[in-house]
């Protein structure tokens, strides 16, 4: 099994439809969807684990992410590399240790080659 964590971004008025689509179109590992709220962008993010073989097409505005469990940090590999570069004098070093506590309850992304750290708050846990 190749478990993947996805994050689908949406607005509040589309949230219910997105949750319905995810819960009917995919086999969700662990039977839970996590809905996070990003105050700075007034967006919601639905995160879920599924087997990569279970994916036909993803909902719009969906990305693959990784998670640091202890700090509830979600991140893309590009964002992690950009963060390391910023913290390590412009050098991407895979052995560089990130202090994840500085990014607790955040999503780390790159958008148009720009690093973004977005604070999140748990909005809802949906048990399927």
C-alpha atoms as a PDB file:
ATOM      1  CA  UNK A   1       0.000   0.000   0.000  1.00  0.00           C
ATOM      2  CA  UNK A   2       1.297   3.444  -0.947  1.00  0.00           C
ATOM      3  CA  UNK A   3      -0.444   5.783   1.493  1.00  0.00           C
ATOM      4  CA  UNK A   4      -0.635   9.424   0.382  1.00  0.00           C
ATOM      5  CA  UNK A   5      -1.779  12.464   2.327  1.00  0.00           C
ATOM      6  CA  UNK A   6      -3.749  15.021   0.326  1.00  0.00           C
ATOM      7  CA  UNK A   7      -4.937  18.522   1.122  1.00  0.00           C
ATOM      8  CA  UNK A   8      -7.874  19.983  -0.805  1.00  0.00           C
ATOM      9  CA  UNK A   9      -8.416  23.741  -0.471  1.00  0.00           C
ATOM     10  CA  UNK A  10     -11.881  25.292  -0.709  1.00  0.00           C
ATOM     11  CA  UNK A  11     -14.186  28.104   0.378  1.00  0.00           C
ATOM     12  CA  UNK A  12     -16.881  27.588   3.032  1.00  0.00           C
ATOM     13  CA  UNK A  13     -19.734  27.565   0.500  1.00  0.00           C
ATOM     14  CA  UNK A  14     -18.109  24.625  -1.366  1.00  0.00           C
ATOM     15  CA  UNK A  15     -16.943  22.702   1.708  1.00  0.00           C
ATOM     16  CA  UNK A  16     -19.910  20.335   2.029  1.00  0.00           C
ATOM     17  CA  UNK A  17     -19.754  19.352  -1.649  1.00  0.00           C
ATOM     18  CA  UNK A  18     -16.001  18.744  -1.411  1.00  0.00           C
ATOM     19  CA  UNK A  19     -16.409  16.526   1.656  1.00  0.00           C
ATOM     20  CA  UNK A  20     -19.149  14.572  -0.110  1.00  0.00           C
ATOM     21  CA  UNK A  21     -16.995  14.083  -3.214  1.00  0.00           C
ATOM     22  CA  UNK A  22     -13.945  12.954  -1.245  1.00  0.00           C
ATOM     23  CA  UNK A  23     -15.918  10.555   0.953  1.00  0.00           C
ATOM     24  CA  UNK A  24     -17.715   8.929  -2.006  1.00  0.00           C
ATOM     25  CA  UNK A  25     -14.929   8.934  -4.643  1.00  0.00           C
ATOM     26  CA  UNK A  26     -12.070   7.596  -2.507  1.00  0.00           C
ATOM     27  CA  UNK A  27     -11.377   4.917   0.049  1.00  0.00           C
ATOM     28  CA  UNK A  28     -10.181   6.993   2.976  1.00  0.00           C
ATOM     29  CA  UNK A  29      -7.552   5.313   5.122  1.00  0.00           C
ATOM     30  CA  UNK A  30      -8.200   5.528   8.882  1.00  0.00           C
ATOM     31  CA  UNK A  31     -11.803   6.641   8.173  1.00  0.00           C
ATOM     32  CA  UNK A  32     -11.254  10.317   8.962  1.00  0.00           C
ATOM     33  CA  UNK A  33     -11.241  13.649   7.174  1.00  0.00           C
ATOM     34  CA  UNK A  34      -9.666  16.606   8.927  1.00  0.00           C
ATOM     35  CA  UNK A  35     -10.960  20.068   8.076  1.00  0.00           C
ATOM     36  CA  UNK A  36      -8.648  22.972   8.884  1.00  0.00           C
ATOM     37  CA  UNK A  37      -9.348  26.689   8.679  1.00  0.00           C
ATOM     38  CA  UNK A  38      -6.785  29.211   7.422  1.00  0.00           C
ATOM     39  CA  UNK A  39      -7.778  32.621   8.787  1.00  0.00           C
ATOM     40  CA  UNK A  40      -5.305  34.659   6.698  1.00  0.00           C
ATOM     41  CA  UNK A  41      -6.822  33.428   3.415  1.00  0.00           C
ATOM     42  CA  UNK A  42     -10.322  32.594   4.721  1.00  0.00           C
ATOM     43  CA  UNK A  43      -9.959  29.102   3.234  1.00  0.00           C
ATOM     44  CA  UNK A  44     -10.694  25.617   4.441  1.00  0.00           C
ATOM     45  CA  UNK A  45      -8.463  22.611   3.842  1.00  0.00           C
ATOM     46  CA  UNK A  46      -9.696  19.041   3.926  1.00  0.00           C
ATOM     47  CA  UNK A  47      -6.877  16.574   4.593  1.00  0.00           C
ATOM     48  CA  UNK A  48      -7.166  12.830   4.066  1.00  0.00           C
ATOM     49  CA  UNK A  49      -5.074   9.717   3.573  1.00  0.00           C
ATOM     50  CA  UNK A  50      -5.733   7.380   0.691  1.00  0.00           C
ATOM     51  CA  UNK A  51      -3.875   4.710  -1.230  1.00  0.00           C
ATOM     52  CA  UNK A  52      -2.273   6.226  -4.343  1.00  0.00           C
ATOM     53  CA  UNK A  53      -3.699   3.355  -6.418  1.00  0.00           C
ATOM     54  CA  UNK A  54      -7.159   4.545  -5.334  1.00  0.00           C
ATOM     55  CA  UNK A  55      -6.846   7.881  -7.125  1.00  0.00           C
ATOM     56  CA  UNK A  56      -8.406   8.584 -10.499  1.00  0.00           C
ATOM     57  CA  UNK A  57      -8.569  12.343 -10.613  1.00  0.00           C
ATOM     58  CA  UNK A  58      -8.165  14.635  -7.653  1.00  0.00           C
ATOM     59  CA  UNK A  59     -10.558  17.431  -6.718  1.00  0.00           C
ATOM     60  CA  UNK A  60      -9.517  20.909  -7.906  1.00  0.00           C
ATOM     61  CA  UNK A  61      -7.024  22.751  -5.671  1.00  0.00           C
ATOM     62  CA  UNK A  62      -5.639  19.523  -4.198  1.00  0.00           C
ATOM     63  CA  UNK A  63      -1.990  18.890  -3.422  1.00  0.00           C
ATOM     64  CA  UNK A  64       0.025  16.038  -1.978  1.00  0.00           C
ATOM     65  CA  UNK A  65       1.523  16.953   1.404  1.00  0.00           C
ATOM     66  CA  UNK A  66       3.615  15.458   4.177  1.00  0.00           C
ATOM     67  CA  UNK A  67       2.998  15.854   7.890  1.00  0.00           C
ATOM     68  CA  UNK A  68       5.054  16.298  11.043  1.00  0.00           C
ATOM     69  CA  UNK A  69       2.778  14.618  13.547  1.00  0.00           C
ATOM     70  CA  UNK A  70       4.178  16.183  16.761  1.00  0.00           C
ATOM     71  CA  UNK A  71       3.536  19.740  15.544  1.00  0.00           C
ATOM     72  CA  UNK A  72       0.628  19.242  13.118  1.00  0.00           C
ATOM     73  CA  UNK A  73       2.692  20.767  10.348  1.00  0.00           C
ATOM     74  CA  UNK A  74       1.716  20.023   6.766  1.00  0.00           C
ATOM     75  CA  UNK A  75       4.257  20.752   4.054  1.00  0.00           C
ATOM     76  CA  UNK A  76       5.197  20.125   0.458  1.00  0.00           C
ATOM     77  CA  UNK A  77       8.707  18.979  -0.422  1.00  0.00           C
ATOM     78  CA  UNK A  78       9.265  22.208  -2.407  1.00  0.00           C
ATOM     79  CA  UNK A  79       8.260  24.274   0.620  1.00  0.00           C
ATOM     80  CA  UNK A  80      10.539  22.250   2.906  1.00  0.00           C
ATOM     81  CA  UNK A  81      13.472  22.780   0.543  1.00  0.00           C
ATOM     82  CA  UNK A  82      12.712  26.511   0.384  1.00  0.00           C
ATOM     83  CA  UNK A  83      12.474  26.718   4.182  1.00  0.00           C
ATOM     84  CA  UNK A  84      15.794  24.923   4.625  1.00  0.00           C
ATOM     85  CA  UNK A  85      17.379  27.236   2.062  1.00  0.00           C
ATOM     86  CA  UNK A  86      16.121  30.286   3.976  1.00  0.00           C
ATOM     87  CA  UNK A  87      17.260  28.958   7.356  1.00  0.00           C
ATOM     88  CA  UNK A  88      20.600  27.614   6.129  1.00  0.00           C
ATOM     89  CA  UNK A  89      22.150  30.561   4.308  1.00  0.00           C
ATOM     90  CA  UNK A  90      20.794  29.691   0.869  1.00  0.00           C
ATOM     91  CA  UNK A  91      21.923  26.050   0.946  1.00  0.00           C
ATOM     92  CA  UNK A  92      19.506  23.129   0.640  1.00  0.00           C
ATOM     93  CA  UNK A  93      20.995  20.484   2.915  1.00  0.00           C
ATOM     94  CA  UNK A  94      18.850  17.379   3.550  1.00  0.00           C
ATOM     95  CA  UNK A  95      20.579  16.874   6.908  1.00  0.00           C
ATOM     96  CA  UNK A  96      19.563  20.357   8.154  1.00  0.00           C
ATOM     97  CA  UNK A  97      17.371  20.094  11.258  1.00  0.00           C
ATOM     98  CA  UNK A  98      14.237  22.235  11.124  1.00  0.00           C
ATOM     99  CA  UNK A  99      12.818  23.357  14.468  1.00  0.00           C
ATOM    100  CA  UNK A 100       9.275  22.195  13.737  1.00  0.00           C
ATOM    101  CA  UNK A 101       7.919  23.918  16.859  1.00  0.00           C
ATOM    102  CA  UNK A 102       8.260  27.209  14.958  1.00  0.00           C
ATOM    103  CA  UNK A 103       5.754  25.866  12.406  1.00  0.00           C
ATOM    104  CA  UNK A 104       3.222  24.296  14.743  1.00  0.00           C
ATOM    105  CA  UNK A 105      -0.300  24.120  13.248  1.00  0.00           C
ATOM    106  CA  UNK A 106       0.860  25.453   9.875  1.00  0.00           C
ATOM    107  CA  UNK A 107       0.785  24.529   6.236  1.00  0.00           C
ATOM    108  CA  UNK A 108       4.074  25.270   4.448  1.00  0.00           C
ATOM    109  CA  UNK A 109       3.648  25.850   0.703  1.00  0.00           C
ATOM    110  CA  UNK A 110       5.211  27.508  -2.286  1.00  0.00           C
ATOM    111  CA  UNK A 111       2.974  29.543  -4.574  1.00  0.00           C
ATOM    112  CA  UNK A 112       4.444  31.183  -7.683  1.00  0.00           C
ATOM    113  CA  UNK A 113       7.922  30.291  -6.305  1.00  0.00           C
ATOM    114  CA  UNK A 114       7.127  32.154  -3.078  1.00  0.00           C
ATOM    115  CA  UNK A 115       7.350  30.430   0.335  1.00  0.00           C
ATOM    116  CA  UNK A 116       4.188  30.634   2.447  1.00  0.00           C
ATOM    117  CA  UNK A 117       3.600  29.614   6.041  1.00  0.00           C
ATOM    118  CA  UNK A 118      -0.136  29.583   6.770  1.00  0.00           C
ATOM    119  CA  UNK A 119      -1.447  29.145  10.311  1.00  0.00           C
ATOM    120  CA  UNK A 120      -4.237  26.612  10.641  1.00  0.00           C
ATOM    121  CA  UNK A 121      -6.898  25.848  13.189  1.00  0.00           C
ATOM    122  CA  UNK A 122      -8.787  22.568  13.443  1.00  0.00           C
ATOM    123  CA  UNK A 123     -12.341  23.219  12.264  1.00  0.00           C
ATOM    124  CA  UNK A 124     -13.816  19.711  12.206  1.00  0.00           C
ATOM    125  CA  UNK A 125     -12.952  16.014  12.257  1.00  0.00           C
ATOM    126  CA  UNK A 126     -15.292  13.918  10.129  1.00  0.00           C
ATOM    127  CA  UNK A 127     -15.547  10.216  10.965  1.00  0.00           C
ATOM    128  CA  UNK A 128     -16.636   8.159   7.977  1.00  0.00           C
END
